[in-house]
N, C-alpha and C. Protein backbone atom coordinates (compact mmCIF):
# COMPACT_ATOMS: atom_id res chain seq x y z
N UNK A 1 190.94 -55.44 -63.45
CA UNK A 1 191.30 -54.29 -62.64
C UNK A 1 191.31 -53.01 -63.47
N UNK A 2 191.82 -53.09 -64.69
CA UNK A 2 191.91 -51.93 -65.56
C UNK A 2 190.51 -51.41 -65.91
N UNK A 3 189.57 -52.32 -66.17
CA UNK A 3 188.20 -51.91 -66.48
C UNK A 3 187.57 -51.19 -65.30
N UNK A 4 187.78 -51.70 -64.09
CA UNK A 4 187.23 -51.08 -62.90
C UNK A 4 187.82 -49.68 -62.68
N UNK A 5 189.12 -49.55 -62.91
CA UNK A 5 189.79 -48.26 -62.76
C UNK A 5 189.25 -47.25 -63.78
N UNK A 6 189.08 -47.69 -65.00
CA UNK A 6 188.55 -46.82 -66.05
C UNK A 6 187.11 -46.41 -65.72
N UNK A 7 186.32 -47.32 -65.17
CA UNK A 7 184.94 -47.01 -64.80
C UNK A 7 184.92 -45.97 -63.68
N UNK A 8 185.78 -46.09 -62.70
CA UNK A 8 185.85 -45.13 -61.59
C UNK A 8 186.29 -43.76 -62.10
N UNK A 9 187.29 -43.72 -62.97
CA UNK A 9 187.77 -42.46 -63.54
C UNK A 9 186.67 -41.80 -64.39
N UNK A 10 185.99 -42.59 -65.20
CA UNK A 10 184.90 -42.05 -66.03
C UNK A 10 183.77 -41.50 -65.17
N UNK A 11 183.40 -42.22 -64.13
CA UNK A 11 182.35 -41.76 -63.23
C UNK A 11 182.77 -40.47 -62.54
N UNK A 12 184.02 -40.39 -62.14
CA UNK A 12 184.53 -39.17 -61.50
C UNK A 12 184.48 -37.97 -62.44
N UNK A 13 184.89 -38.17 -63.69
CA UNK A 13 184.84 -37.09 -64.68
C UNK A 13 183.40 -36.67 -64.94
N UNK A 14 182.50 -37.64 -65.05
CA UNK A 14 181.08 -37.33 -65.28
C UNK A 14 180.52 -36.50 -64.13
N UNK A 15 180.81 -36.89 -62.90
CA UNK A 15 180.31 -36.16 -61.73
C UNK A 15 180.90 -34.75 -61.68
N UNK A 16 182.16 -34.61 -62.01
CA UNK A 16 182.80 -33.29 -62.04
C UNK A 16 182.14 -32.38 -63.08
N UNK A 17 181.90 -32.91 -64.27
CA UNK A 17 181.24 -32.13 -65.31
C UNK A 17 179.81 -31.75 -64.91
N UNK A 18 179.10 -32.67 -64.26
CA UNK A 18 177.76 -32.39 -63.79
C UNK A 18 177.77 -31.27 -62.75
N UNK A 19 178.69 -31.32 -61.83
CA UNK A 19 178.80 -30.27 -60.81
C UNK A 19 179.15 -28.92 -61.43
N UNK A 20 180.01 -28.92 -62.43
CA UNK A 20 180.36 -27.67 -63.13
C UNK A 20 179.15 -27.09 -63.87
N UNK A 21 178.35 -27.95 -64.47
CA UNK A 21 177.15 -27.49 -65.17
C UNK A 21 176.15 -26.89 -64.18
N UNK A 22 175.95 -27.52 -63.04
CA UNK A 22 175.03 -27.01 -62.02
C UNK A 22 175.53 -25.67 -61.49
N UNK A 23 176.82 -25.56 -61.23
CA UNK A 23 177.41 -24.31 -60.75
C UNK A 23 177.24 -23.20 -61.78
N UNK A 24 177.46 -23.52 -63.04
CA UNK A 24 177.32 -22.54 -64.11
C UNK A 24 175.87 -22.03 -64.20
N UNK A 25 174.91 -22.94 -64.12
CA UNK A 25 173.49 -22.56 -64.18
C UNK A 25 173.13 -21.66 -63.00
N UNK A 26 173.60 -22.00 -61.81
CA UNK A 26 173.31 -21.19 -60.63
C UNK A 26 173.95 -19.80 -60.74
N UNK A 27 175.16 -19.72 -61.31
CA UNK A 27 175.79 -18.42 -61.53
C UNK A 27 174.99 -17.59 -62.52
N UNK A 28 174.47 -18.22 -63.57
CA UNK A 28 173.65 -17.51 -64.56
C UNK A 28 172.40 -16.95 -63.89
N UNK A 29 171.73 -17.76 -63.07
CA UNK A 29 170.53 -17.31 -62.37
C UNK A 29 170.86 -16.14 -61.45
N UNK A 30 171.96 -16.23 -60.71
CA UNK A 30 172.35 -15.15 -59.79
C UNK A 30 172.67 -13.87 -60.55
N UNK A 31 173.40 -13.97 -61.65
CA UNK A 31 173.74 -12.78 -62.44
C UNK A 31 172.51 -12.13 -63.04
N UNK A 32 171.60 -12.94 -63.58
CA UNK A 32 170.39 -12.39 -64.16
C UNK A 32 169.48 -11.81 -63.09
N UNK A 33 169.41 -12.44 -61.93
CA UNK A 33 168.59 -11.91 -60.84
C UNK A 33 169.10 -10.56 -60.37
N UNK A 34 170.41 -10.36 -60.45
CA UNK A 34 171.00 -9.08 -60.04
C UNK A 34 170.74 -7.99 -61.07
N UNK A 35 170.60 -8.35 -62.34
CA UNK A 35 170.45 -7.34 -63.39
C UNK A 35 169.00 -7.10 -63.80
N UNK A 36 168.10 -8.02 -63.49
CA UNK A 36 166.69 -7.90 -63.86
C UNK A 36 165.85 -8.06 -62.59
N UNK A 37 164.93 -7.13 -62.37
CA UNK A 37 164.06 -7.27 -61.20
C UNK A 37 163.01 -8.34 -61.44
N UNK A 38 162.42 -8.81 -60.38
CA UNK A 38 161.44 -9.89 -60.48
C UNK A 38 160.18 -9.42 -61.21
N UNK A 39 159.77 -10.15 -62.26
CA UNK A 39 158.56 -9.76 -62.97
C UNK A 39 157.31 -9.97 -62.12
N UNK A 40 156.24 -9.33 -62.54
CA UNK A 40 154.96 -9.45 -61.82
C UNK A 40 154.41 -10.87 -61.89
N UNK A 41 153.73 -11.28 -60.82
CA UNK A 41 153.02 -12.55 -60.83
C UNK A 41 151.54 -12.34 -61.13
N UNK A 42 151.07 -11.13 -60.94
CA UNK A 42 149.68 -10.78 -61.23
C UNK A 42 149.63 -9.29 -61.56
N UNK A 43 148.66 -8.93 -62.36
CA UNK A 43 148.47 -7.52 -62.70
C UNK A 43 147.77 -6.83 -61.53
N UNK A 44 148.07 -5.55 -61.34
CA UNK A 44 147.41 -4.79 -60.28
C UNK A 44 145.91 -4.72 -60.54
N UNK A 45 145.57 -4.50 -61.81
CA UNK A 45 144.17 -4.48 -62.24
C UNK A 45 144.11 -5.22 -63.57
N UNK A 46 143.33 -6.29 -63.64
CA UNK A 46 143.28 -7.11 -64.84
C UNK A 46 142.43 -6.50 -65.95
N UNK A 47 141.36 -5.83 -65.59
CA UNK A 47 140.44 -5.32 -66.60
C UNK A 47 139.54 -6.43 -67.10
N UNK A 48 139.00 -6.24 -68.28
CA UNK A 48 138.09 -7.22 -68.87
C UNK A 48 138.88 -8.31 -69.60
N UNK A 49 138.43 -9.57 -69.50
CA UNK A 49 139.09 -10.63 -70.27
C UNK A 49 138.78 -10.48 -71.76
N UNK A 50 139.80 -10.67 -72.59
CA UNK A 50 139.62 -10.55 -74.03
C UNK A 50 139.73 -11.91 -74.71
N UNK A 51 140.76 -12.68 -74.35
CA UNK A 51 140.97 -13.99 -74.98
C UNK A 51 141.79 -14.86 -74.04
N UNK A 52 141.76 -16.15 -74.32
CA UNK A 52 142.61 -17.10 -73.59
C UNK A 52 142.92 -18.26 -74.52
N UNK A 53 144.00 -18.95 -74.21
CA UNK A 53 144.40 -20.09 -75.03
C UNK A 53 145.37 -20.97 -74.24
N UNK A 54 145.42 -22.23 -74.62
CA UNK A 54 146.41 -23.15 -74.07
C UNK A 54 147.65 -23.04 -74.94
N UNK A 55 148.81 -23.07 -74.29
CA UNK A 55 150.05 -22.88 -75.04
C UNK A 55 151.18 -23.67 -74.40
N UNK A 56 152.27 -23.74 -75.12
CA UNK A 56 153.53 -24.21 -74.56
C UNK A 56 154.39 -22.97 -74.36
N UNK A 57 154.82 -22.77 -73.12
CA UNK A 57 155.75 -21.69 -72.83
C UNK A 57 157.12 -22.20 -73.25
N UNK A 58 157.72 -21.56 -74.23
CA UNK A 58 159.01 -22.02 -74.76
C UNK A 58 160.15 -21.40 -73.96
N UNK A 59 160.16 -20.07 -73.85
CA UNK A 59 161.25 -19.41 -73.12
C UNK A 59 161.00 -17.92 -73.06
N UNK A 60 161.74 -17.27 -72.18
CA UNK A 60 161.88 -15.82 -72.22
C UNK A 60 163.35 -15.56 -72.44
N UNK A 61 163.65 -14.72 -73.42
CA UNK A 61 165.03 -14.42 -73.80
C UNK A 61 165.23 -12.91 -73.79
N UNK A 62 166.50 -12.51 -73.94
CA UNK A 62 166.77 -11.10 -74.19
C UNK A 62 166.25 -10.79 -75.58
N UNK A 63 165.65 -9.62 -75.77
CA UNK A 63 165.03 -9.28 -77.05
C UNK A 63 166.05 -9.24 -78.18
N UNK A 64 167.27 -8.84 -77.88
CA UNK A 64 168.28 -8.74 -78.93
C UNK A 64 169.08 -10.03 -79.11
N UNK A 65 168.82 -11.02 -78.27
CA UNK A 65 169.55 -12.29 -78.37
C UNK A 65 168.60 -13.43 -78.03
N UNK A 66 167.93 -13.96 -79.02
CA UNK A 66 166.96 -15.03 -78.78
C UNK A 66 167.62 -16.37 -78.50
N UNK A 67 168.94 -16.38 -78.38
CA UNK A 67 169.63 -17.63 -78.04
C UNK A 67 170.06 -17.67 -76.57
N UNK A 68 169.78 -16.61 -75.82
CA UNK A 68 170.16 -16.58 -74.40
C UNK A 68 168.92 -16.59 -73.53
N UNK A 69 168.66 -17.71 -72.93
CA UNK A 69 167.49 -17.93 -72.08
C UNK A 69 167.63 -17.15 -70.77
N UNK A 70 166.53 -16.56 -70.32
CA UNK A 70 166.49 -15.94 -68.99
C UNK A 70 166.16 -17.07 -68.01
N UNK A 71 167.10 -17.35 -67.13
CA UNK A 71 166.92 -18.45 -66.18
C UNK A 71 166.37 -17.96 -64.84
N UNK A 72 166.52 -16.69 -64.54
CA UNK A 72 166.09 -16.14 -63.25
C UNK A 72 164.58 -16.19 -63.12
N UNK A 73 164.12 -16.29 -61.88
CA UNK A 73 162.70 -16.24 -61.52
C UNK A 73 161.87 -17.34 -62.17
N UNK A 74 162.49 -18.44 -62.52
CA UNK A 74 161.77 -19.57 -63.11
C UNK A 74 161.40 -19.36 -64.57
N UNK A 75 161.92 -18.32 -65.21
CA UNK A 75 161.57 -18.06 -66.60
C UNK A 75 162.29 -18.98 -67.58
N UNK A 76 163.23 -19.78 -67.09
CA UNK A 76 163.99 -20.66 -67.96
C UNK A 76 163.36 -22.02 -68.20
N UNK A 77 162.29 -22.31 -67.50
CA UNK A 77 161.69 -23.64 -67.59
C UNK A 77 160.60 -23.69 -68.65
N UNK A 78 160.74 -24.59 -69.57
CA UNK A 78 159.75 -24.80 -70.63
C UNK A 78 158.60 -25.64 -70.07
N UNK A 79 157.38 -25.40 -70.53
CA UNK A 79 156.27 -26.22 -70.07
C UNK A 79 154.93 -25.73 -70.58
N UNK A 80 153.90 -26.44 -70.17
CA UNK A 80 152.53 -26.08 -70.56
C UNK A 80 152.09 -24.83 -69.81
N UNK A 81 151.26 -24.04 -70.49
CA UNK A 81 150.78 -22.80 -69.89
C UNK A 81 149.39 -22.47 -70.40
N UNK A 82 148.73 -21.61 -69.66
CA UNK A 82 147.46 -21.04 -70.08
C UNK A 82 147.71 -19.54 -70.24
N UNK A 83 147.35 -18.99 -71.39
CA UNK A 83 147.54 -17.57 -71.70
C UNK A 83 146.21 -16.85 -71.54
N UNK A 84 146.19 -15.81 -70.73
CA UNK A 84 145.00 -14.99 -70.54
C UNK A 84 145.34 -13.57 -70.96
N UNK A 85 144.55 -13.01 -71.88
CA UNK A 85 144.75 -11.64 -72.32
C UNK A 85 143.60 -10.81 -71.77
N UNK A 86 143.98 -9.76 -71.05
CA UNK A 86 143.02 -8.84 -70.45
C UNK A 86 143.23 -7.46 -71.05
N UNK A 87 142.31 -6.56 -70.81
CA UNK A 87 142.46 -5.20 -71.33
C UNK A 87 143.66 -4.49 -70.72
N UNK A 88 144.15 -4.97 -69.58
CA UNK A 88 145.27 -4.31 -68.90
C UNK A 88 146.59 -5.08 -68.99
N UNK A 89 146.61 -6.20 -69.72
CA UNK A 89 147.86 -6.94 -69.86
C UNK A 89 147.66 -8.42 -70.13
N UNK A 90 148.73 -9.17 -69.93
CA UNK A 90 148.76 -10.60 -70.23
C UNK A 90 149.15 -11.36 -68.96
N UNK A 91 148.51 -12.48 -68.74
CA UNK A 91 148.85 -13.35 -67.64
C UNK A 91 149.15 -14.73 -68.20
N UNK A 92 150.34 -15.26 -67.90
CA UNK A 92 150.74 -16.61 -68.29
C UNK A 92 150.78 -17.46 -67.03
N UNK A 93 149.89 -18.42 -66.95
CA UNK A 93 149.87 -19.34 -65.82
C UNK A 93 150.55 -20.61 -66.29
N UNK A 94 151.76 -20.86 -65.76
CA UNK A 94 152.57 -21.98 -66.21
C UNK A 94 152.50 -23.13 -65.21
N UNK A 95 152.38 -24.34 -65.70
CA UNK A 95 152.33 -25.52 -64.84
C UNK A 95 153.65 -25.68 -64.09
N UNK A 96 153.58 -25.74 -62.77
CA UNK A 96 154.75 -26.00 -61.96
C UNK A 96 155.68 -24.82 -61.76
N UNK A 97 155.34 -23.66 -62.28
CA UNK A 97 156.17 -22.46 -62.14
C UNK A 97 155.30 -21.30 -61.68
N UNK A 98 155.94 -20.24 -61.26
CA UNK A 98 155.20 -19.04 -60.86
C UNK A 98 154.58 -18.39 -62.09
N UNK A 99 153.42 -17.76 -61.93
CA UNK A 99 152.80 -17.08 -63.07
C UNK A 99 153.66 -15.89 -63.52
N UNK A 100 153.46 -15.49 -64.75
CA UNK A 100 154.15 -14.32 -65.31
C UNK A 100 153.08 -13.37 -65.82
N UNK A 101 153.08 -12.15 -65.29
CA UNK A 101 152.14 -11.13 -65.73
C UNK A 101 152.91 -10.02 -66.43
N UNK A 102 152.39 -9.57 -67.56
CA UNK A 102 153.02 -8.49 -68.32
C UNK A 102 152.00 -7.37 -68.45
N UNK A 103 152.27 -6.25 -67.82
CA UNK A 103 151.38 -5.10 -67.89
C UNK A 103 151.38 -4.53 -69.30
N UNK A 104 150.24 -4.01 -69.74
CA UNK A 104 150.15 -3.53 -71.12
C UNK A 104 151.11 -2.39 -71.40
N UNK A 105 151.48 -1.61 -70.39
CA UNK A 105 152.44 -0.52 -70.60
C UNK A 105 153.85 -1.05 -70.87
N UNK A 106 154.12 -2.29 -70.50
CA UNK A 106 155.44 -2.88 -70.73
C UNK A 106 155.56 -3.56 -72.09
N UNK A 107 154.44 -3.88 -72.72
CA UNK A 107 154.46 -4.62 -73.98
C UNK A 107 154.88 -3.68 -75.10
N UNK A 108 155.90 -4.08 -75.83
CA UNK A 108 156.43 -3.29 -76.94
C UNK A 108 155.82 -3.69 -78.28
N UNK A 109 155.78 -5.00 -78.54
CA UNK A 109 155.25 -5.48 -79.82
C UNK A 109 154.95 -6.97 -79.72
N UNK A 110 154.29 -7.46 -80.74
CA UNK A 110 154.02 -8.89 -80.87
C UNK A 110 154.37 -9.28 -82.30
N UNK A 111 155.00 -10.44 -82.44
CA UNK A 111 155.37 -10.91 -83.77
C UNK A 111 155.33 -12.43 -83.76
N UNK A 112 155.61 -13.02 -84.90
CA UNK A 112 155.69 -14.47 -85.01
C UNK A 112 157.10 -14.83 -85.46
N UNK A 113 157.52 -16.02 -85.09
CA UNK A 113 158.86 -16.48 -85.46
C UNK A 113 158.90 -17.98 -85.60
N UNK A 114 160.09 -18.46 -85.87
CA UNK A 114 160.27 -19.88 -86.08
C UNK A 114 161.21 -20.52 -85.08
N UNK A 115 162.14 -19.73 -84.50
CA UNK A 115 163.13 -20.32 -83.59
C UNK A 115 163.28 -19.50 -82.32
N UNK A 116 163.64 -20.19 -81.26
CA UNK A 116 164.02 -19.58 -79.99
C UNK A 116 164.88 -20.59 -79.26
N UNK A 117 166.06 -20.18 -78.90
CA UNK A 117 167.03 -21.01 -78.20
C UNK A 117 167.24 -22.31 -78.99
N UNK A 118 166.77 -23.42 -78.47
CA UNK A 118 166.99 -24.71 -79.13
C UNK A 118 165.70 -25.26 -79.72
N UNK A 119 164.70 -24.41 -79.89
CA UNK A 119 163.40 -24.85 -80.39
C UNK A 119 163.17 -24.27 -81.77
N UNK A 120 162.97 -25.13 -82.75
CA UNK A 120 162.61 -24.69 -84.10
C UNK A 120 161.31 -25.37 -84.48
N UNK A 121 160.40 -24.58 -85.01
CA UNK A 121 159.09 -25.10 -85.39
C UNK A 121 158.80 -24.66 -86.82
N UNK A 122 157.58 -24.96 -87.28
CA UNK A 122 157.19 -24.56 -88.63
C UNK A 122 157.23 -23.03 -88.74
N UNK A 123 157.20 -22.54 -89.97
CA UNK A 123 157.27 -21.10 -90.21
C UNK A 123 156.17 -20.39 -89.43
N UNK A 124 156.55 -19.36 -88.70
CA UNK A 124 155.64 -18.54 -87.89
C UNK A 124 154.90 -19.35 -86.83
N UNK A 125 155.52 -20.40 -86.32
CA UNK A 125 154.88 -21.26 -85.33
C UNK A 125 154.96 -20.75 -83.90
N UNK A 126 155.82 -19.76 -83.64
CA UNK A 126 155.95 -19.20 -82.30
C UNK A 126 155.40 -17.78 -82.26
N UNK A 127 154.72 -17.46 -81.19
CA UNK A 127 154.30 -16.08 -80.94
C UNK A 127 155.36 -15.46 -80.03
N UNK A 128 155.86 -14.29 -80.41
CA UNK A 128 156.90 -13.62 -79.66
C UNK A 128 156.37 -12.30 -79.12
N UNK A 129 156.35 -12.18 -77.81
CA UNK A 129 155.87 -10.96 -77.15
C UNK A 129 157.09 -10.20 -76.65
N UNK A 130 157.35 -9.04 -77.22
CA UNK A 130 158.45 -8.19 -76.80
C UNK A 130 157.95 -7.25 -75.71
N UNK A 131 158.66 -7.22 -74.58
CA UNK A 131 158.26 -6.40 -73.45
C UNK A 131 159.47 -5.92 -72.68
N UNK A 132 159.24 -4.92 -71.83
CA UNK A 132 160.32 -4.33 -71.03
C UNK A 132 160.14 -4.70 -69.56
N UNK A 133 161.23 -5.11 -68.95
CA UNK A 133 161.27 -5.31 -67.51
C UNK A 133 162.33 -4.33 -67.02
N UNK A 134 161.89 -3.28 -66.35
CA UNK A 134 162.75 -2.15 -66.01
C UNK A 134 163.30 -1.58 -67.33
N UNK A 135 164.60 -1.62 -67.51
CA UNK A 135 165.18 -1.10 -68.76
C UNK A 135 165.71 -2.22 -69.64
N UNK A 136 165.33 -3.45 -69.34
CA UNK A 136 165.80 -4.61 -70.09
C UNK A 136 164.71 -5.08 -71.05
N UNK A 137 165.06 -5.17 -72.33
CA UNK A 137 164.11 -5.64 -73.34
C UNK A 137 164.12 -7.17 -73.37
N UNK A 138 162.96 -7.77 -73.19
CA UNK A 138 162.82 -9.22 -73.17
C UNK A 138 161.82 -9.67 -74.23
N UNK A 139 161.91 -10.94 -74.61
CA UNK A 139 160.95 -11.55 -75.51
C UNK A 139 160.48 -12.86 -74.91
N UNK A 140 159.18 -13.03 -74.80
CA UNK A 140 158.60 -14.29 -74.34
C UNK A 140 158.06 -15.03 -75.55
N UNK A 141 158.47 -16.29 -75.69
CA UNK A 141 158.10 -17.12 -76.84
C UNK A 141 157.06 -18.15 -76.42
N UNK A 142 155.96 -18.20 -77.16
CA UNK A 142 154.87 -19.14 -76.88
C UNK A 142 154.53 -19.90 -78.15
N UNK A 143 154.10 -21.13 -77.97
CA UNK A 143 153.57 -21.93 -79.08
C UNK A 143 152.18 -22.36 -78.67
N UNK A 144 151.18 -21.90 -79.41
CA UNK A 144 149.80 -22.24 -79.07
C UNK A 144 149.51 -23.68 -79.43
N UNK A 145 148.77 -24.37 -78.57
CA UNK A 145 148.44 -25.77 -78.80
C UNK A 145 147.39 -25.93 -79.90
N UNK A 146 146.48 -24.97 -80.00
CA UNK A 146 145.44 -25.02 -81.02
C UNK A 146 145.66 -23.85 -81.97
N UNK A 147 145.98 -24.15 -83.20
CA UNK A 147 146.28 -23.08 -84.17
C UNK A 147 145.07 -22.18 -84.43
N UNK A 148 143.87 -22.64 -84.10
CA UNK A 148 142.67 -21.82 -84.29
C UNK A 148 142.67 -20.63 -83.33
N UNK A 149 143.36 -20.74 -82.18
CA UNK A 149 143.43 -19.65 -81.20
C UNK A 149 144.44 -18.58 -81.59
N UNK A 150 145.30 -18.89 -82.52
CA UNK A 150 146.42 -18.04 -82.89
C UNK A 150 146.01 -16.63 -83.30
N UNK A 151 145.07 -16.52 -84.22
CA UNK A 151 144.63 -15.21 -84.69
C UNK A 151 144.02 -14.38 -83.58
N UNK A 152 143.21 -15.02 -82.73
CA UNK A 152 142.55 -14.31 -81.63
C UNK A 152 143.58 -13.78 -80.63
N UNK A 153 144.58 -14.58 -80.33
CA UNK A 153 145.61 -14.15 -79.37
C UNK A 153 146.41 -12.99 -79.95
N UNK A 154 146.86 -13.13 -81.18
CA UNK A 154 147.66 -12.06 -81.80
C UNK A 154 146.86 -10.77 -81.91
N UNK A 155 145.62 -10.84 -82.36
CA UNK A 155 144.82 -9.61 -82.50
C UNK A 155 144.47 -9.01 -81.15
N UNK A 156 144.26 -9.84 -80.13
CA UNK A 156 143.95 -9.33 -78.79
C UNK A 156 145.14 -8.58 -78.20
N UNK A 157 146.32 -9.16 -78.34
CA UNK A 157 147.52 -8.49 -77.81
C UNK A 157 147.79 -7.22 -78.62
N UNK A 158 147.62 -7.29 -79.93
CA UNK A 158 147.80 -6.10 -80.77
C UNK A 158 146.85 -4.99 -80.35
N UNK A 159 145.61 -5.35 -80.01
CA UNK A 159 144.62 -4.33 -79.64
C UNK A 159 145.00 -3.64 -78.32
N UNK A 160 145.53 -4.38 -77.34
CA UNK A 160 145.90 -3.71 -76.09
C UNK A 160 147.16 -2.87 -76.28
N UNK A 161 148.03 -3.26 -77.21
CA UNK A 161 149.21 -2.44 -77.50
C UNK A 161 148.76 -1.13 -78.14
N UNK A 162 147.84 -1.20 -79.10
CA UNK A 162 147.36 0.01 -79.79
C UNK A 162 146.64 0.94 -78.83
N UNK A 163 145.85 0.39 -77.92
CA UNK A 163 145.15 1.23 -76.94
C UNK A 163 146.14 1.95 -76.04
N UNK A 164 147.25 1.28 -75.69
CA UNK A 164 148.27 1.90 -74.85
C UNK A 164 148.99 3.00 -75.62
N UNK A 165 149.25 2.80 -76.91
CA UNK A 165 149.96 3.80 -77.71
C UNK A 165 149.12 5.05 -77.93
N UNK A 166 147.80 4.93 -77.95
CA UNK A 166 146.94 6.09 -78.20
C UNK A 166 146.76 6.96 -76.96
N UNK A 167 147.18 6.47 -75.81
CA UNK A 167 147.05 7.27 -74.58
C UNK A 167 148.09 8.35 -74.53
């Protein structure tokens, strides 16, 4: 009888903790949705294609806090993605999630890093794209599947940033 009672109490505590975690995640999504507008799913004008690569979408975080994942608008889900760089911006087509488009006027910088949230990789294994959504600075973290594509992606994004700065 004691074992059965302990099992019921443990199951009850587990379910309570699970419900609290789900509620917390939903509150985070609601708060972020209220403070950040929905990002573009496609660019108004794509321009000419410059480069593309297969990648793992790691996360989008606040630019000043790479440990806080943006959960709103499906940006919190990690997964496989295809990265397309055009003369007018970047398009990330993510498996099972809505696409994310970043207009070239929103892109602030591109850099490389090693960590984001709970993901740590080899030195400079992540590409970090810093961009603005309204007045909120965000960073999107990508890990390219083929390291041979890395230089082309970084130089392509750098070139569209430089073209935007010269205007």
